[in-house]
Amino acid sequence: MCTYGTGRIYASLTFYDAAEQNIKEAIQSLTDHMPDAFSDLSLLKDFLDMMGCLYREVYMPAAYNTNDTDGVDAVNKRTSWSDKTRGLLSMLSSLITSHNSSAVDGTKSEYVEDEVSTLTCDSDCSENILHTLQSTFTSCEVLAKVLCWSSCRVLHEIVSLAGQIYLQVGMGRVAIKIYACALKACESNGVVMENTCTEDVFNQLAELRRDYVRCILRVCNDGSHATYSTLYHPPGDRLEWLKDAELALTVLTTASHRQEDMELWADLLCLQGGTRNELLSVCLYAACFISQHAEESTEVKCRLAHSLARKSVCMY
C-alpha cells in the first residue's frame, strides 16, 4: 500500500507518469498476493479503489491538464491519457467474466497479470472494443452473478467506474443502461427486499440509484446543448430516461429525506421543462440553499441563479 500512497502523492503533484507507474505496481503487487480474489472482499475493494484512483486522480486530470497547452505533442499526450481510461474497461470486464467463471467451477481466477501489464492506449481504444465490452456491463444476468461472489458495494463500485468511463467517451446511452441493469440485477437477486436488506446494502442501493439519476440528468443535459451527433439523443429516449429518473427519485425520497435528493428533484424538474416545473425547481433550490451553510451552498446558489434566469441547468 506504500507504493499506492506514493502514486497518489505523485498524482497530487501532477507527476502523472510516476503516479501511473506506482499505482499500477501497487495493483500488480496486490493481485500477486491475492490468494483468491473473490473470496476476500476487502482485497477486492482495495483493487477497485486503485483502479478508481487511476481513473479519477491520474488519467482524467492528466487528460485535461492545461499546463502544457502548446504544440501537437502536448495535445497528443493529453489524448493518450484520455484513451487510457478505456483500458480500465477491459480490466473491469476481465474481473467480471473471470470471477463469474471461477465462482462456478471453483478454479482460481488468473485475469489480472496480463491486463495490468498491457494497460496501454493501443487496441483498448477502438470503438469496436468499447462496443464489445459493453455486453458485459449491460447484461443483467452477468451483473447478477457478480452479486453471488461479491457484494452490493462491489457491484456498485464496478458499475460506477464503468458508467463514468462510458460517459467520458461520449457513450451516455450505454452508461444509463449499465446503471439500469445493475439495479435490475439487485432486484432479481432479492437484494432490495426489506426483510433481507441490511443498512449497508440499503445505503449502497440508494447511492446506486442516485448515480443512475445523475447519469440520466447529465446525458439529457448534455444532449439538450449538443452541437454534434454523439451527444444527441431522440426526444423519445430523453423523455423515457427522465421518467425513469423520476421513478428512481420517488423510491429514494419515499425511503429517506436527504437534501441531495431534493437537489436532484430540482435538476430533474428543470430538464422536464414547463412553467410549473420551473417554479417548483426554484422553490426546491431556494429551500436547499437556505438550509445549507454559506460555505456549502455555492453550487446550489449557482443552480438557483440559473433557475431564476429561466435557464434550465444541470451541474454535472
C-alpha atoms as a PDB file:
ATOM      1  CA  MET A   1       0.000   0.000   0.000  1.00  0.00           C
ATOM      2  CA  CYS A   2       3.040   2.286   0.387  1.00  0.00           C
ATOM      3  CA  THR A   3       3.520   2.218  -3.380  1.00  0.00           C
ATOM      4  CA  TYR A   4      -0.128   3.117  -3.831  1.00  0.00           C
ATOM      5  CA  GLY A   5       0.203   6.034  -1.423  1.00  0.00           C
ATOM      6  CA  THR A   6       3.314   7.216  -3.235  1.00  0.00           C
ATOM      7  CA  GLY A   7       1.405   7.108  -6.503  1.00  0.00           C
ATOM      8  CA  ARG A   8      -1.366   9.260  -5.072  1.00  0.00           C
ATOM      9  CA  ILE A   9       1.187  11.784  -3.834  1.00  0.00           C
ATOM     10  CA  TYR A  10       2.728  11.953  -7.305  1.00  0.00           C
ATOM     11  CA  ALA A  11      -0.759  12.441  -8.749  1.00  0.00           C
ATOM     12  CA  SER A  12      -1.469  15.339  -6.390  1.00  0.00           C
ATOM     13  CA  LEU A  13       1.781  16.939  -7.568  1.00  0.00           C
ATOM     14  CA  THR A  14       0.724  16.374 -11.228  1.00  0.00           C
ATOM     15  CA  PHE A  15       3.602  13.952 -11.871  1.00  0.00           C
ATOM     16  CA  TYR A  16       1.218  11.695 -13.736  1.00  0.00           C
ATOM     17  CA  ASP A  17       3.721   9.303 -15.351  1.00  0.00           C
ATOM     18  CA  ALA A  18       5.238   8.443 -11.971  1.00  0.00           C
ATOM     19  CA  ALA A  19       1.778   8.252 -10.418  1.00  0.00           C
ATOM     20  CA  GLU A  20       0.578   5.781 -13.036  1.00  0.00           C
ATOM     21  CA  GLN A  21       3.666   3.604 -12.642  1.00  0.00           C
ATOM     22  CA  ASN A  22       3.375   3.408  -8.857  1.00  0.00           C
ATOM     23  CA  ILE A  23      -0.354   2.725  -8.792  1.00  0.00           C
ATOM     24  CA  LYS A  24      -0.060   0.021 -11.458  1.00  0.00           C
ATOM     25  CA  GLU A  25       2.763  -1.567  -9.450  1.00  0.00           C
ATOM     26  CA  ALA A  26       0.515  -1.499  -6.392  1.00  0.00           C
ATOM     27  CA  ILE A  27      -2.274  -3.195  -8.340  1.00  0.00           C
ATOM     28  CA  GLN A  28       0.121  -5.878  -9.581  1.00  0.00           C
ATOM     29  CA  SER A  29       1.521  -6.443  -6.094  1.00  0.00           C
ATOM     30  CA  LEU A  30      -1.977  -6.781  -4.678  1.00  0.00           C
ATOM     31  CA  THR A  31      -3.034  -9.339  -7.264  1.00  0.00           C
ATOM     32  CA  ASP A  32       0.213 -11.309  -6.891  1.00  0.00           C
ATOM     33  CA  HIS A  33      -0.531 -11.796  -3.192  1.00  0.00           C
ATOM     34  CA  MET A  34      -4.279 -12.234  -3.549  1.00  0.00           C
ATOM     35  CA  PRO A  35      -4.915 -15.902  -2.696  1.00  0.00           C
ATOM     36  CA  ASP A  36      -8.429 -15.931  -4.050  1.00  0.00           C
ATOM     37  CA  ALA A  37      -9.745 -12.586  -5.224  1.00  0.00           C
ATOM     38  CA  PHE A  38     -13.461 -13.197  -4.957  1.00  0.00           C
ATOM     39  CA  SER A  39     -13.234 -14.824  -1.512  1.00  0.00           C
ATOM     40  CA  ASP A  40     -11.614 -11.770   0.102  1.00  0.00           C
ATOM     41  CA  LEU A  41     -13.872  -8.782  -0.431  1.00  0.00           C
ATOM     42  CA  SER A  42     -11.534  -6.396   1.386  1.00  0.00           C
ATOM     43  CA  LEU A  43      -8.743  -7.120  -1.123  1.00  0.00           C
ATOM     44  CA  LEU A  44     -11.182  -6.833  -3.980  1.00  0.00           C
ATOM     45  CA  LYS A  45     -12.331  -3.482  -2.588  1.00  0.00           C
ATOM     46  CA  ASP A  46      -8.684  -2.308  -2.478  1.00  0.00           C
ATOM     47  CA  PHE A  47      -8.232  -3.420  -6.085  1.00  0.00           C
ATOM     48  CA  LEU A  48     -11.264  -1.442  -7.224  1.00  0.00           C
ATOM     49  CA  ASP A  49     -10.166   1.581  -5.192  1.00  0.00           C
ATOM     50  CA  MET A  50      -6.830   1.552  -7.008  1.00  0.00           C
ATOM     51  CA  MET A  51      -8.499   1.309 -10.395  1.00  0.00           C
ATOM     52  CA  GLY A  52     -10.798   4.176  -9.482  1.00  0.00           C
ATOM     53  CA  CYS A  53      -7.789   6.193  -8.366  1.00  0.00           C
ATOM     54  CA  LEU A  54      -6.089   5.616 -11.717  1.00  0.00           C
ATOM     55  CA  TYR A  55      -9.172   6.986 -13.440  1.00  0.00           C
ATOM     56  CA  ARG A  56     -10.062   9.918 -11.191  1.00  0.00           C
ATOM     57  CA  GLU A  57      -6.650  11.068  -9.946  1.00  0.00           C
ATOM     58  CA  VAL A  58      -4.345  10.219 -12.847  1.00  0.00           C
ATOM     59  CA  TYR A  59      -5.925   9.621 -16.251  1.00  0.00           C
ATOM     60  CA  MET A  60      -8.673  12.224 -16.162  1.00  0.00           C
ATOM     61  CA  PRO A  61      -6.654  15.085 -14.601  1.00  0.00           C
ATOM     62  CA  ALA A  62      -3.786  14.323 -16.982  1.00  0.00           C
ATOM     63  CA  ALA A  63      -6.156  14.307 -19.951  1.00  0.00           C
ATOM     64  CA  TYR A  64      -7.398  17.783 -19.062  1.00  0.00           C
ATOM     65  CA  ASN A  65      -4.070  19.161 -17.850  1.00  0.00           C
ATOM     66  CA  THR A  66      -3.659  22.632 -19.356  1.00  0.00           C
ATOM     67  CA  ASN A  67      -0.160  23.330 -18.039  1.00  0.00           C
ATOM     68  CA  ASP A  68       1.295  22.333 -21.406  1.00  0.00           C
ATOM     69  CA  THR A  69      -1.051  23.887 -23.913  1.00  0.00           C
ATOM     70  CA  ASP A  70       1.276  24.454 -26.853  1.00  0.00           C
ATOM     71  CA  GLY A  71       2.277  22.101 -29.616  1.00  0.00           C
ATOM     72  CA  VAL A  72       0.982  18.945 -31.223  1.00  0.00           C
ATOM     73  CA  ASP A  73       2.928  16.731 -28.809  1.00  0.00           C
ATOM     74  CA  ALA A  74       1.133  18.213 -25.794  1.00  0.00           C
ATOM     75  CA  VAL A  75      -2.258  17.649 -27.413  1.00  0.00           C
ATOM     76  CA  ASN A  76      -1.359  14.084 -28.383  1.00  0.00           C
ATOM     77  CA  LYS A  77      -0.156  13.332 -24.861  1.00  0.00           C
ATOM     78  CA  ARG A  78      -3.397  14.571 -23.324  1.00  0.00           C
ATOM     79  CA  THR A  79      -5.325  12.470 -25.832  1.00  0.00           C
ATOM     80  CA  SER A  80      -3.298   9.386 -24.920  1.00  0.00           C
ATOM     81  CA  TRP A  81      -4.136   9.875 -21.238  1.00  0.00           C
ATOM     82  CA  SER A  82      -7.818  10.114 -22.116  1.00  0.00           C
ATOM     83  CA  ASP A  83      -7.563   6.952 -24.195  1.00  0.00           C
ATOM     84  CA  LYS A  84      -6.025   5.058 -21.301  1.00  0.00           C
ATOM     85  CA  THR A  85      -9.260   5.333 -19.359  1.00  0.00           C
ATOM     86  CA  ARG A  86     -10.730   2.879 -21.830  1.00  0.00           C
ATOM     87  CA  GLY A  87      -8.146   0.274 -20.897  1.00  0.00           C
ATOM     88  CA  LEU A  88      -9.705   0.175 -17.448  1.00  0.00           C
ATOM     89  CA  LEU A  89     -12.907  -1.128 -19.011  1.00  0.00           C
ATOM     90  CA  SER A  90     -11.005  -4.138 -20.303  1.00  0.00           C
ATOM     91  CA  MET A  91      -9.696  -4.824 -16.802  1.00  0.00           C
ATOM     92  CA  LEU A  92     -13.170  -4.497 -15.296  1.00  0.00           C
ATOM     93  CA  SER A  93     -14.631  -6.801 -17.917  1.00  0.00           C
ATOM     94  CA  SER A  94     -11.935  -9.398 -17.218  1.00  0.00           C
ATOM     95  CA  LEU A  95     -12.602  -9.064 -13.498  1.00  0.00           C
ATOM     96  CA  ILE A  96     -16.283  -9.825 -14.002  1.00  0.00           C
ATOM     97  CA  THR A  97     -16.047 -12.624 -16.554  1.00  0.00           C
ATOM     98  CA  SER A  98     -13.136 -14.423 -14.876  1.00  0.00           C
ATOM     99  CA  HIS A  99     -14.676 -14.261 -11.415  1.00  0.00           C
ATOM    100  CA  ASN A 100     -18.079 -15.365 -12.678  1.00  0.00           C
ATOM    101  CA  SER A 101     -16.437 -18.377 -14.312  1.00  0.00           C
ATOM    102  CA  SER A 102     -14.246 -19.156 -11.294  1.00  0.00           C
ATOM    103  CA  ALA A 103     -17.181 -18.874  -8.911  1.00  0.00           C
ATOM    104  CA  VAL A 104     -18.951 -21.584 -10.900  1.00  0.00           C
ATOM    105  CA  ASP A 105     -16.135 -24.107 -11.438  1.00  0.00           C
ATOM    106  CA  GLY A 106     -14.163 -23.368  -8.267  1.00  0.00           C
ATOM    107  CA  THR A 107     -10.891 -22.527 -10.021  1.00  0.00           C
ATOM    108  CA  LYS A 108      -8.708 -19.574  -9.141  1.00  0.00           C
ATOM    109  CA  SER A 109      -9.030 -16.505 -11.324  1.00  0.00           C
ATOM    110  CA  GLU A 110      -5.889 -15.501 -13.253  1.00  0.00           C
ATOM    111  CA  TYR A 111      -7.240 -12.454 -15.028  1.00  0.00           C
ATOM    112  CA  VAL A 112      -5.150  -9.612 -13.724  1.00  0.00           C
ATOM    113  CA  GLU A 113      -1.476 -10.089 -14.557  1.00  0.00           C
ATOM    114  CA  ASP A 114      -1.757  -9.722 -18.322  1.00  0.00           C
ATOM    115  CA  GLU A 115      -4.378  -6.976 -18.044  1.00  0.00           C
ATOM    116  CA  VAL A 116      -2.194  -4.789 -15.819  1.00  0.00           C
ATOM    117  CA  SER A 117       0.936  -5.257 -17.906  1.00  0.00           C
ATOM    118  CA  THR A 118      -0.905  -4.381 -21.121  1.00  0.00           C
ATOM    119  CA  LEU A 119      -2.832  -1.393 -19.792  1.00  0.00           C
ATOM    120  CA  THR A 120      -1.985   0.938 -22.678  1.00  0.00           C
ATOM    121  CA  CYS A 121      -3.791   3.202 -25.107  1.00  0.00           C
ATOM    122  CA  ASP A 122      -3.419   0.904 -28.115  1.00  0.00           C
ATOM    123  CA  SER A 123      -6.023  -1.728 -29.015  1.00  0.00           C
ATOM    124  CA  ASP A 124      -8.170  -0.895 -25.995  1.00  0.00           C
ATOM    125  CA  CYS A 125      -9.027   2.469 -27.555  1.00  0.00           C
ATOM    126  CA  SER A 126     -11.039   1.354 -30.559  1.00  0.00           C
ATOM    127  CA  GLU A 127     -14.779   1.894 -30.653  1.00  0.00           C
ATOM    128  CA  ASN A 128     -15.239  -1.749 -31.639  1.00  0.00           C
ATOM    129  CA  ILE A 129     -13.643  -2.821 -28.356  1.00  0.00           C
ATOM    130  CA  LEU A 130     -15.860  -0.432 -26.408  1.00  0.00           C
ATOM    131  CA  HIS A 131     -18.987  -1.826 -28.045  1.00  0.00           C
ATOM    132  CA  THR A 132     -17.804  -5.395 -27.418  1.00  0.00           C
ATOM    133  CA  LEU A 133     -17.122  -4.755 -23.738  1.00  0.00           C
ATOM    134  CA  GLN A 134     -20.494  -3.117 -23.155  1.00  0.00           C
ATOM    135  CA  SER A 135     -22.192  -6.508 -23.472  1.00  0.00           C
ATOM    136  CA  THR A 136     -20.577  -7.469 -20.164  1.00  0.00           C
ATOM    137  CA  PHE A 137     -21.664  -4.371 -18.277  1.00  0.00           C
ATOM    138  CA  THR A 138     -25.205  -4.237 -19.689  1.00  0.00           C
ATOM    139  CA  SER A 139     -26.137  -7.851 -19.000  1.00  0.00           C
ATOM    140  CA  CYS A 140     -28.466  -8.222 -16.023  1.00  0.00           C
ATOM    141  CA  GLU A 141     -27.568 -11.908 -15.847  1.00  0.00           C
ATOM    142  CA  VAL A 142     -23.829 -11.202 -15.713  1.00  0.00           C
ATOM    143  CA  LEU A 143     -24.210  -8.469 -13.093  1.00  0.00           C
ATOM    144  CA  ALA A 144     -26.495 -10.689 -11.016  1.00  0.00           C
ATOM    145  CA  LYS A 145     -23.703 -13.287 -10.911  1.00  0.00           C
ATOM    146  CA  VAL A 146     -21.352 -10.617  -9.571  1.00  0.00           C
ATOM    147  CA  LEU A 147     -23.606 -10.368  -6.512  1.00  0.00           C
ATOM    148  CA  CYS A 148     -23.180 -14.102  -5.949  1.00  0.00           C
ATOM    149  CA  TRP A 149     -19.416 -13.875  -5.357  1.00  0.00           C
ATOM    150  CA  SER A 150     -19.119 -10.308  -4.109  1.00  0.00           C
ATOM    151  CA  SER A 151     -21.456  -7.757  -2.542  1.00  0.00           C
ATOM    152  CA  CYS A 152     -23.744  -4.888  -3.408  1.00  0.00           C
ATOM    153  CA  ARG A 153     -20.895  -2.485  -2.592  1.00  0.00           C
ATOM    154  CA  VAL A 154     -18.519  -4.198  -5.036  1.00  0.00           C
ATOM    155  CA  LEU A 155     -21.157  -4.221  -7.764  1.00  0.00           C
ATOM    156  CA  HIS A 156     -21.806  -0.520  -7.165  1.00  0.00           C
ATOM    157  CA  GLU A 157     -18.115   0.325  -7.491  1.00  0.00           C
ATOM    158  CA  ILE A 158     -17.704  -1.698 -10.685  1.00  0.00           C
ATOM    159  CA  VAL A 159     -20.803  -0.172 -12.248  1.00  0.00           C
ATOM    160  CA  SER A 160     -19.897   3.339 -11.124  1.00  0.00           C
ATOM    161  CA  LEU A 161     -16.433   3.221 -12.695  1.00  0.00           C
ATOM    162  CA  ALA A 162     -17.682   1.641 -15.923  1.00  0.00           C
ATOM    163  CA  GLY A 163     -20.513   4.167 -16.156  1.00  0.00           C
ATOM    164  CA  GLN A 164     -18.175   7.118 -15.644  1.00  0.00           C
ATOM    165  CA  ILE A 165     -15.828   5.890 -18.361  1.00  0.00           C
ATOM    166  CA  TYR A 166     -18.620   5.361 -20.882  1.00  0.00           C
ATOM    167  CA  LEU A 167     -19.893   8.852 -20.085  1.00  0.00           C
ATOM    168  CA  GLN A 168     -16.410  10.244 -20.618  1.00  0.00           C
ATOM    169  CA  VAL A 169     -16.106   8.673 -24.077  1.00  0.00           C
ATOM    170  CA  GLY A 170     -19.499  10.046 -25.123  1.00  0.00           C
ATOM    171  CA  MET A 171     -21.498   6.814 -24.867  1.00  0.00           C
ATOM    172  CA  GLY A 172     -24.159   8.082 -22.484  1.00  0.00           C
ATOM    173  CA  ARG A 173     -26.811   5.623 -23.638  1.00  0.00           C
ATOM    174  CA  VAL A 174     -24.561   2.733 -22.592  1.00  0.00           C
ATOM    175  CA  ALA A 175     -23.797   4.371 -19.240  1.00  0.00           C
ATOM    176  CA  ILE A 176     -27.506   4.710 -18.455  1.00  0.00           C
ATOM    177  CA  LYS A 177     -28.124   1.087 -19.398  1.00  0.00           C
ATOM    178  CA  ILE A 178     -25.281  -0.080 -17.140  1.00  0.00           C
ATOM    179  CA  TYR A 179     -26.845   1.550 -14.076  1.00  0.00           C
ATOM    180  CA  ALA A 180     -30.322   0.312 -15.011  1.00  0.00           C
ATOM    181  CA  CYS A 181     -29.083  -3.264 -15.421  1.00  0.00           C
ATOM    182  CA  ALA A 182     -27.267  -3.134 -12.085  1.00  0.00           C
ATOM    183  CA  LEU A 183     -30.457  -2.086 -10.302  1.00  0.00           C
ATOM    184  CA  LYS A 184     -32.405  -4.798 -12.092  1.00  0.00           C
ATOM    185  CA  ALA A 185     -29.767  -7.366 -11.102  1.00  0.00           C
ATOM    186  CA  CYS A 186     -30.180  -6.364  -7.457  1.00  0.00           C
ATOM    187  CA  GLU A 187     -33.945  -6.717  -7.749  1.00  0.00           C
ATOM    188  CA  SER A 188     -33.708 -10.124  -9.428  1.00  0.00           C
ATOM    189  CA  ASN A 189     -31.464 -11.375  -6.613  1.00  0.00           C
ATOM    190  CA  GLY A 190     -33.883 -10.190  -3.957  1.00  0.00           C
ATOM    191  CA  VAL A 191     -31.347  -7.707  -2.588  1.00  0.00           C
ATOM    192  CA  VAL A 192     -33.960  -4.981  -2.352  1.00  0.00           C
ATOM    193  CA  MET A 193     -36.305  -6.992  -0.140  1.00  0.00           C
ATOM    194  CA  GLU A 194     -36.771  -5.114   3.126  1.00  0.00           C
ATOM    195  CA  ASN A 195     -36.549  -8.213   5.298  1.00  0.00           C
ATOM    196  CA  THR A 196     -33.100  -9.149   3.921  1.00  0.00           C
ATOM    197  CA  CYS A 197     -31.713  -5.671   3.276  1.00  0.00           C
ATOM    198  CA  THR A 198     -29.085  -4.600   5.825  1.00  0.00           C
ATOM    199  CA  GLU A 199     -28.345  -0.941   6.456  1.00  0.00           C
ATOM    200  CA  ASP A 200     -25.147  -1.111   4.395  1.00  0.00           C
ATOM    201  CA  VAL A 201     -26.929  -2.735   1.452  1.00  0.00           C
ATOM    202  CA  PHE A 202     -29.767  -0.224   1.755  1.00  0.00           C
ATOM    203  CA  ASN A 203     -27.279   2.660   1.596  1.00  0.00           C
ATOM    204  CA  GLN A 204     -25.423   1.133  -1.351  1.00  0.00           C
ATOM    205  CA  LEU A 205     -28.661   0.683  -3.286  1.00  0.00           C
ATOM    206  CA  ALA A 206     -29.596   4.281  -2.540  1.00  0.00           C
ATOM    207  CA  GLU A 207     -26.233   5.532  -3.822  1.00  0.00           C
ATOM    208  CA  LEU A 208     -26.570   3.339  -6.904  1.00  0.00           C
ATOM    209  CA  ARG A 209     -29.968   4.907  -7.623  1.00  0.00           C
ATOM    210  CA  ARG A 210     -28.535   8.406  -7.129  1.00  0.00           C
ATOM    211  CA  ASP A 211     -25.712   7.652  -9.541  1.00  0.00           C
ATOM    212  CA  TYR A 212     -28.301   6.342 -12.008  1.00  0.00           C
ATOM    213  CA  VAL A 213     -30.294   9.569 -11.731  1.00  0.00           C
ATOM    214  CA  ARG A 214     -27.170  11.725 -12.035  1.00  0.00           C
ATOM    215  CA  CYS A 215     -26.150   9.796 -15.136  1.00  0.00           C
ATOM    216  CA  ILE A 216     -29.544  10.363 -16.769  1.00  0.00           C
ATOM    217  CA  LEU A 217     -29.532  14.057 -15.892  1.00  0.00           C
ATOM    218  CA  ARG A 218     -26.043  14.528 -17.271  1.00  0.00           C
ATOM    219  CA  VAL A 219     -26.796  12.715 -20.534  1.00  0.00           C
ATOM    220  CA  CYS A 220     -30.061  14.605 -21.040  1.00  0.00           C
ATOM    221  CA  ASN A 221     -28.463  17.931 -20.165  1.00  0.00           C
ATOM    222  CA  ASP A 222     -25.512  17.344 -22.500  1.00  0.00           C
ATOM    223  CA  GLY A 223     -27.884  16.250 -25.240  1.00  0.00           C
ATOM    224  CA  SER A 224     -30.045  19.353 -24.899  1.00  0.00           C
ATOM    225  CA  HIS A 225     -26.989  21.514 -25.606  1.00  0.00           C
ATOM    226  CA  ALA A 226     -25.333  19.166 -28.100  1.00  0.00           C
ATOM    227  CA  THR A 227     -23.880  20.506 -31.312  1.00  0.00           C
ATOM    228  CA  TYR A 228     -22.638  17.156 -32.589  1.00  0.00           C
ATOM    229  CA  SER A 229     -24.347  13.830 -33.132  1.00  0.00           C
ATOM    230  CA  THR A 230     -22.593  11.688 -30.499  1.00  0.00           C
ATOM    231  CA  LEU A 231     -24.303  13.539 -27.664  1.00  0.00           C
ATOM    232  CA  TYR A 232     -27.679  13.904 -29.382  1.00  0.00           C
ATOM    233  CA  HIS A 233     -30.468  11.524 -28.433  1.00  0.00           C
ATOM    234  CA  PRO A 234     -34.011  11.373 -29.873  1.00  0.00           C
ATOM    235  CA  PRO A 235     -36.658  13.235 -27.824  1.00  0.00           C
ATOM    236  CA  GLY A 236     -38.453   9.955 -27.159  1.00  0.00           C
ATOM    237  CA  ASP A 237     -35.385   8.458 -25.487  1.00  0.00           C
ATOM    238  CA  ARG A 238     -34.865  11.611 -23.458  1.00  0.00           C
ATOM    239  CA  LEU A 239     -38.452  11.578 -22.172  1.00  0.00           C
ATOM    240  CA  GLU A 240     -38.191   7.897 -21.280  1.00  0.00           C
ATOM    241  CA  TRP A 241     -34.963   8.445 -19.352  1.00  0.00           C
ATOM    242  CA  LEU A 242     -36.404  11.389 -17.452  1.00  0.00           C
ATOM    243  CA  LYS A 243     -39.406   9.242 -16.469  1.00  0.00           C
ATOM    244  CA  ASP A 244     -37.023   6.564 -15.206  1.00  0.00           C
ATOM    245  CA  ALA A 245     -35.144   9.199 -13.206  1.00  0.00           C
ATOM    246  CA  GLU A 246     -38.431  10.360 -11.695  1.00  0.00           C
ATOM    247  CA  LEU A 247     -39.302   6.818 -10.640  1.00  0.00           C
ATOM    248  CA  ALA A 248     -35.872   6.322  -9.076  1.00  0.00           C
ATOM    249  CA  LEU A 249     -36.116   9.611  -7.191  1.00  0.00           C
ATOM    250  CA  THR A 250     -39.588   8.671  -5.955  1.00  0.00           C
ATOM    251  CA  VAL A 251     -38.154   5.484  -4.461  1.00  0.00           C
ATOM    252  CA  LEU A 252     -35.305   7.447  -2.859  1.00  0.00           C
ATOM    253  CA  THR A 253     -37.462  10.149  -1.306  1.00  0.00           C
ATOM    254  CA  THR A 254     -40.005   7.614  -0.070  1.00  0.00           C
ATOM    255  CA  ALA A 255     -37.289   5.845   1.910  1.00  0.00           C
ATOM    256  CA  SER A 256     -35.323   8.882   3.109  1.00  0.00           C
ATOM    257  CA  HIS A 257     -35.315  12.669   3.070  1.00  0.00           C
ATOM    258  CA  ARG A 258     -31.793  13.701   2.099  1.00  0.00           C
ATOM    259  CA  GLN A 259     -31.150  17.168   0.748  1.00  0.00           C
ATOM    260  CA  GLU A 260     -29.124  15.900  -2.205  1.00  0.00           C
ATOM    261  CA  ASP A 261     -32.248  14.076  -3.379  1.00  0.00           C
ATOM    262  CA  MET A 262     -34.180  17.343  -3.274  1.00  0.00           C
ATOM    263  CA  GLU A 263     -31.466  18.956  -5.382  1.00  0.00           C
ATOM    264  CA  LEU A 264     -31.750  16.101  -7.878  1.00  0.00           C
ATOM    265  CA  TRP A 265     -35.522  16.643  -7.991  1.00  0.00           C
ATOM    266  CA  ALA A 266     -34.920  20.310  -8.810  1.00  0.00           C
ATOM    267  CA  ASP A 267     -32.455  19.369 -11.560  1.00  0.00           C
ATOM    268  CA  LEU A 268     -34.964  16.903 -12.985  1.00  0.00           C
ATOM    269  CA  LEU A 269     -37.767  19.470 -12.990  1.00  0.00           C
ATOM    270  CA  CYS A 270     -35.516  21.909 -14.852  1.00  0.00           C
ATOM    271  CA  LEU A 271     -34.857  19.361 -17.568  1.00  0.00           C
ATOM    272  CA  GLN A 272     -38.517  18.341 -17.799  1.00  0.00           C
ATOM    273  CA  GLY A 273     -39.380  21.964 -18.560  1.00  0.00           C
ATOM    274  CA  GLY A 274     -42.676  23.806 -18.327  1.00  0.00           C
ATOM    275  CA  THR A 275     -43.684  26.770 -16.170  1.00  0.00           C
ATOM    276  CA  ARG A 276     -44.944  24.658 -13.270  1.00  0.00           C
ATOM    277  CA  ASN A 277     -41.782  22.555 -13.151  1.00  0.00           C
ATOM    278  CA  GLU A 278     -39.565  25.624 -13.360  1.00  0.00           C
ATOM    279  CA  LEU A 279     -41.384  27.241 -10.435  1.00  0.00           C
ATOM    280  CA  LEU A 280     -41.097  24.070  -8.383  1.00  0.00           C
ATOM    281  CA  SER A 281     -37.392  23.793  -9.151  1.00  0.00           C
ATOM    282  CA  VAL A 282     -36.814  27.381  -8.000  1.00  0.00           C
ATOM    283  CA  CYS A 283     -38.605  26.622  -4.724  1.00  0.00           C
ATOM    284  CA  LEU A 284     -36.535  23.484  -4.172  1.00  0.00           C
ATOM    285  CA  TYR A 285     -33.243  25.216  -4.982  1.00  0.00           C
ATOM    286  CA  ALA A 286     -34.158  28.080  -2.652  1.00  0.00           C
ATOM    287  CA  ALA A 287     -35.087  25.708   0.170  1.00  0.00           C
ATOM    288  CA  CYS A 288     -31.837  23.766  -0.253  1.00  0.00           C
ATOM    289  CA  PHE A 289     -29.831  26.988  -0.369  1.00  0.00           C
ATOM    290  CA  ILE A 290     -31.407  28.360   2.807  1.00  0.00           C
ATOM    291  CA  SER A 291     -30.873  25.105   4.703  1.00  0.00           C
ATOM    292  CA  GLN A 292     -27.156  24.939   3.885  1.00  0.00           C
ATOM    293  CA  HIS A 293     -24.248  26.728   5.495  1.00  0.00           C
ATOM    294  CA  ALA A 294     -22.793  29.553   3.420  1.00  0.00           C
ATOM    295  CA  GLU A 295     -19.597  27.649   2.599  1.00  0.00           C
ATOM    296  CA  GLU A 296     -21.596  24.646   1.363  1.00  0.00           C
ATOM    297  CA  SER A 297     -24.169  26.439  -0.762  1.00  0.00           C
ATOM    298  CA  THR A 298     -22.116  27.716  -3.718  1.00  0.00           C
ATOM    299  CA  GLU A 299     -23.297  25.045  -6.145  1.00  0.00           C
ATOM    300  CA  VAL A 300     -26.943  25.308  -5.115  1.00  0.00           C
ATOM    301  CA  LYS A 301     -26.691  29.096  -5.322  1.00  0.00           C
ATOM    302  CA  CYS A 302     -25.477  28.746  -8.909  1.00  0.00           C
ATOM    303  CA  ARG A 303     -28.375  26.443  -9.751  1.00  0.00           C
ATOM    304  CA  LEU A 304     -30.824  28.838  -8.119  1.00  0.00           C
ATOM    305  CA  ALA A 305     -29.423  31.790 -10.055  1.00  0.00           C
ATOM    306  CA  HIS A 306     -29.807  29.958 -13.354  1.00  0.00           C
ATOM    307  CA  SER A 307     -33.343  28.917 -12.493  1.00  0.00           C
ATOM    308  CA  LEU A 308     -34.305  32.467 -11.634  1.00  0.00           C
ATOM    309  CA  ALA A 309     -32.900  33.475 -15.004  1.00  0.00           C
ATOM    310  CA  ARG A 310     -35.250  30.850 -16.511  1.00  0.00           C
ATOM    311  CA  LYS A 311     -32.422  28.726 -17.850  1.00  0.00           C
ATOM    312  CA  SER A 312     -32.589  25.030 -17.151  1.00  0.00           C
ATOM    313  CA  VAL A 313     -29.237  23.952 -15.774  1.00  0.00           C
ATOM    314  CA  CYS A 314     -27.729  20.701 -14.607  1.00  0.00           C
ATOM    315  CA  MET A 315     -24.493  20.940 -12.641  1.00  0.00           C
ATOM    316  CA  TYR A 316     -22.663  17.730 -13.583  1.00  0.00           C
END
